Amino acid sequence: MRDLTDAEQHVLDLLAEAWQGALELPGGHPADSPEMVHHLHAAQNIILARPAVEQQNDARDKGLPESDQPNHRTALFS
């Protein structure tokens, strides 16, 4: 599976910066931090999954039989 592209890594860095910036905001509701963490993690998961999704799509597009296509477990943990 491929590594993250520079652009994907940049997006992850921006998400980390967003979290640091959010921590510096004054006031806010006590539920804001956990909710912000939840949504930032969701965005990170989307970016981090891109290489696995791309591998899965490439196998499908090449017409490999389903038994030869990487499944989610092999794509994520190989």
N, C-alpha and C. Protein backbone atom coordinates (compact mmCIF):
# COMPACT_ATOMS: atom_id res chain seq x y z
N MET A 1 0.85 -1.16 0.00
CA MET A 1 0.00 0.00 0.00
C MET A 1 0.91 1.24 0.00
N ARG A 2 0.46 2.26 -0.66
CA ARG A 2 1.28 3.46 -0.79
C ARG A 2 1.29 4.28 0.51
N ASP A 3 2.30 5.13 0.63
CA ASP A 3 2.35 6.08 1.74
C ASP A 3 1.41 7.25 1.45
N LEU A 4 1.20 8.06 2.44
CA LEU A 4 0.41 9.27 2.23
C LEU A 4 1.14 10.20 1.28
N THR A 5 0.39 10.92 0.47
CA THR A 5 1.00 11.93 -0.39
C THR A 5 1.34 13.15 0.46
N ASP A 6 2.15 14.03 -0.09
CA ASP A 6 2.48 15.27 0.61
C ASP A 6 1.21 16.08 0.89
N ALA A 7 0.28 16.08 -0.07
CA ALA A 7 -0.97 16.82 0.11
C ALA A 7 -1.81 16.22 1.23
N GLU A 8 -1.88 14.90 1.30
CA GLU A 8 -2.63 14.25 2.38
C GLU A 8 -2.00 14.54 3.74
N GLN A 9 -0.67 14.48 3.80
CA GLN A 9 0.01 14.79 5.05
C GLN A 9 -0.23 16.24 5.45
N HIS A 10 -0.26 17.13 4.46
CA HIS A 10 -0.52 18.54 4.72
C HIS A 10 -1.92 18.73 5.34
N VAL A 11 -2.90 18.02 4.82
CA VAL A 11 -4.25 18.11 5.37
C VAL A 11 -4.25 17.64 6.83
N LEU A 12 -3.55 16.54 7.12
CA LEU A 12 -3.46 16.06 8.50
C LEU A 12 -2.79 17.10 9.40
N ASP A 13 -1.77 17.75 8.89
CA ASP A 13 -1.10 18.81 9.66
C ASP A 13 -2.06 19.97 9.93
N LEU A 14 -2.86 20.32 8.94
CA LEU A 14 -3.84 21.40 9.12
C LEU A 14 -4.89 21.03 10.16
N LEU A 15 -5.29 19.76 10.17
CA LEU A 15 -6.26 19.31 11.18
C LEU A 15 -5.66 19.42 12.58
N ALA A 16 -4.38 19.08 12.71
CA ALA A 16 -3.71 19.23 14.01
C ALA A 16 -3.63 20.70 14.41
N GLU A 17 -3.35 21.56 13.45
CA GLU A 17 -3.32 23.00 13.72
C GLU A 17 -4.70 23.50 14.13
N ALA A 18 -5.74 22.97 13.50
CA ALA A 18 -7.11 23.38 13.85
C ALA A 18 -7.39 23.03 15.31
N TRP A 19 -6.96 21.85 15.75
CA TRP A 19 -7.18 21.45 17.13
C TRP A 19 -6.42 22.38 18.08
N GLN A 20 -5.17 22.68 17.76
CA GLN A 20 -4.39 23.58 18.61
C GLN A 20 -5.04 24.96 18.67
N GLY A 21 -5.52 25.43 17.54
CA GLY A 21 -6.20 26.72 17.51
C GLY A 21 -7.48 26.71 18.31
N ALA A 22 -8.22 25.62 18.24
CA ALA A 22 -9.47 25.52 18.99
C ALA A 22 -9.21 25.54 20.49
N LEU A 23 -8.11 24.92 20.91
CA LEU A 23 -7.76 24.91 22.34
C LEU A 23 -7.47 26.31 22.86
N GLU A 24 -7.01 27.18 21.98
CA GLU A 24 -6.64 28.53 22.39
C GLU A 24 -7.82 29.50 22.41
N LEU A 25 -8.98 29.07 21.91
CA LEU A 25 -10.15 29.94 21.90
C LEU A 25 -10.69 30.13 23.31
N PRO A 26 -11.02 31.35 23.67
CA PRO A 26 -11.57 31.58 25.02
C PRO A 26 -13.04 31.13 25.10
N GLY A 27 -13.45 30.81 26.31
CA GLY A 27 -14.86 30.48 26.54
C GLY A 27 -15.26 29.19 25.87
N GLY A 28 -16.50 29.13 25.48
CA GLY A 28 -17.02 27.95 24.82
C GLY A 28 -17.79 27.07 25.78
N HIS A 29 -18.43 26.10 25.24
CA HIS A 29 -19.24 25.17 26.01
C HIS A 29 -18.38 23.97 26.39
N PRO A 30 -18.62 23.36 27.56
CA PRO A 30 -17.82 22.20 27.97
C PRO A 30 -17.87 21.03 26.98
N ALA A 31 -18.94 20.93 26.23
CA ALA A 31 -19.06 19.83 25.26
C ALA A 31 -18.32 20.12 23.96
N ASP A 32 -17.80 21.33 23.80
CA ASP A 32 -17.14 21.68 22.53
C ASP A 32 -15.90 20.84 22.26
N SER A 33 -15.05 20.65 23.26
CA SER A 33 -13.79 19.92 23.04
C SER A 33 -14.03 18.47 22.61
N PRO A 34 -14.84 17.70 23.35
CA PRO A 34 -15.06 16.31 22.90
C PRO A 34 -15.70 16.24 21.51
N GLU A 35 -16.59 17.16 21.23
CA GLU A 35 -17.23 17.15 19.91
C GLU A 35 -16.22 17.49 18.83
N MET A 36 -15.36 18.47 19.10
CA MET A 36 -14.32 18.85 18.14
C MET A 36 -13.37 17.68 17.90
N VAL A 37 -12.97 16.99 18.96
CA VAL A 37 -12.09 15.83 18.83
C VAL A 37 -12.76 14.77 17.95
N HIS A 38 -14.02 14.50 18.21
CA HIS A 38 -14.76 13.50 17.44
C HIS A 38 -14.72 13.82 15.94
N HIS A 39 -15.00 15.06 15.60
CA HIS A 39 -15.07 15.43 14.18
C HIS A 39 -13.68 15.51 13.54
N LEU A 40 -12.69 15.96 14.30
CA LEU A 40 -11.33 15.97 13.75
C LEU A 40 -10.84 14.53 13.50
N HIS A 41 -11.14 13.63 14.43
CA HIS A 41 -10.76 12.23 14.22
C HIS A 41 -11.47 11.65 13.00
N ALA A 42 -12.72 12.01 12.80
CA ALA A 42 -13.44 11.53 11.61
C ALA A 42 -12.75 12.02 10.34
N ALA A 43 -12.35 13.28 10.32
CA ALA A 43 -11.65 13.82 9.15
C ALA A 43 -10.30 13.14 8.96
N GLN A 44 -9.57 12.91 10.06
CA GLN A 44 -8.29 12.21 9.97
C GLN A 44 -8.48 10.80 9.42
N ASN A 45 -9.50 10.11 9.89
CA ASN A 45 -9.76 8.75 9.42
C ASN A 45 -10.01 8.72 7.92
N ILE A 46 -10.72 9.70 7.41
CA ILE A 46 -10.97 9.76 5.96
C ILE A 46 -9.67 9.91 5.19
N ILE A 47 -8.80 10.81 5.64
CA ILE A 47 -7.53 11.03 4.95
C ILE A 47 -6.63 9.80 5.07
N LEU A 48 -6.55 9.23 6.27
CA LEU A 48 -5.68 8.07 6.48
C LEU A 48 -6.15 6.83 5.73
N ALA A 49 -7.43 6.74 5.43
CA ALA A 49 -7.97 5.58 4.71
C ALA A 49 -7.75 5.66 3.21
N ARG A 50 -7.39 6.80 2.71
CA ARG A 50 -7.29 6.97 1.26
C ARG A 50 -6.38 5.94 0.57
N PRO A 51 -5.18 5.63 1.09
CA PRO A 51 -4.36 4.62 0.41
C PRO A 51 -5.05 3.25 0.34
N ALA A 52 -5.73 2.84 1.41
CA ALA A 52 -6.41 1.55 1.42
C ALA A 52 -7.58 1.54 0.44
N VAL A 53 -8.34 2.62 0.42
CA VAL A 53 -9.47 2.72 -0.50
C VAL A 53 -8.97 2.70 -1.94
N GLU A 54 -7.89 3.41 -2.19
CA GLU A 54 -7.31 3.43 -3.54
C GLU A 54 -6.87 2.03 -3.96
N GLN A 55 -6.23 1.30 -3.06
CA GLN A 55 -5.80 -0.06 -3.37
C GLN A 55 -7.00 -0.95 -3.68
N GLN A 56 -8.04 -0.83 -2.90
CA GLN A 56 -9.25 -1.61 -3.12
C GLN A 56 -9.87 -1.28 -4.47
N ASN A 57 -9.97 0.00 -4.78
CA ASN A 57 -10.56 0.42 -6.05
C ASN A 57 -9.71 -0.02 -7.24
N ASP A 58 -8.38 0.05 -7.11
CA ASP A 58 -7.50 -0.39 -8.18
C ASP A 58 -7.70 -1.87 -8.48
N ALA A 59 -7.82 -2.68 -7.44
CA ALA A 59 -8.02 -4.12 -7.63
C ALA A 59 -9.35 -4.37 -8.32
N ARG A 60 -10.37 -3.65 -7.91
CA ARG A 60 -11.70 -3.82 -8.54
C ARG A 60 -11.65 -3.40 -10.00
N ASP A 61 -10.99 -2.25 -10.27
CA ASP A 61 -10.94 -1.73 -11.63
C ASP A 61 -10.12 -2.62 -12.57
N LYS A 62 -9.18 -3.38 -12.01
CA LYS A 62 -8.37 -4.30 -12.82
C LYS A 62 -9.13 -5.58 -13.13
N GLY A 63 -10.31 -5.72 -12.55
CA GLY A 63 -11.13 -6.88 -12.82
C GLY A 63 -10.66 -8.14 -12.12
N LEU A 64 -9.92 -8.00 -11.04
CA LEU A 64 -9.49 -9.17 -10.29
C LEU A 64 -10.70 -9.87 -9.70
N PRO A 65 -10.67 -11.19 -9.67
CA PRO A 65 -11.77 -11.89 -9.00
C PRO A 65 -11.84 -11.43 -7.55
N GLU A 66 -13.02 -11.42 -7.01
CA GLU A 66 -13.20 -10.93 -5.64
C GLU A 66 -12.29 -11.66 -4.65
N SER A 67 -12.04 -12.95 -4.89
CA SER A 67 -11.18 -13.71 -3.97
C SER A 67 -9.74 -13.22 -4.01
N ASP A 68 -9.30 -12.56 -5.10
CA ASP A 68 -7.94 -12.04 -5.20
C ASP A 68 -7.84 -10.57 -4.83
N GLN A 69 -8.97 -9.92 -4.58
CA GLN A 69 -8.94 -8.52 -4.20
C GLN A 69 -8.61 -8.40 -2.72
N PRO A 70 -7.85 -7.36 -2.37
CA PRO A 70 -7.58 -7.17 -0.95
C PRO A 70 -8.87 -6.85 -0.22
N ASN A 71 -9.05 -7.43 0.94
CA ASN A 71 -10.22 -7.07 1.71
C ASN A 71 -9.82 -6.00 2.72
N HIS A 72 -10.76 -5.52 3.47
CA HIS A 72 -10.48 -4.44 4.39
C HIS A 72 -9.39 -4.82 5.38
N ARG A 73 -9.40 -6.05 5.87
CA ARG A 73 -8.39 -6.46 6.83
C ARG A 73 -7.00 -6.47 6.21
N THR A 74 -6.86 -7.06 5.01
CA THR A 74 -5.53 -7.13 4.42
C THR A 74 -5.10 -5.75 3.95
N ALA A 75 -6.04 -4.92 3.49
CA ALA A 75 -5.67 -3.58 3.02
C ALA A 75 -5.21 -2.71 4.18
N LEU A 76 -5.83 -2.86 5.33
CA LEU A 76 -5.49 -2.00 6.46
C LEU A 76 -4.32 -2.51 7.27
N PHE A 77 -4.07 -3.82 7.28
CA PHE A 77 -3.08 -4.37 8.19
C PHE A 77 -1.94 -5.08 7.50
N SER A 78 -1.77 -4.89 6.22
CA SER A 78 -0.66 -5.55 5.54
C SER A 78 0.49 -4.59 5.34
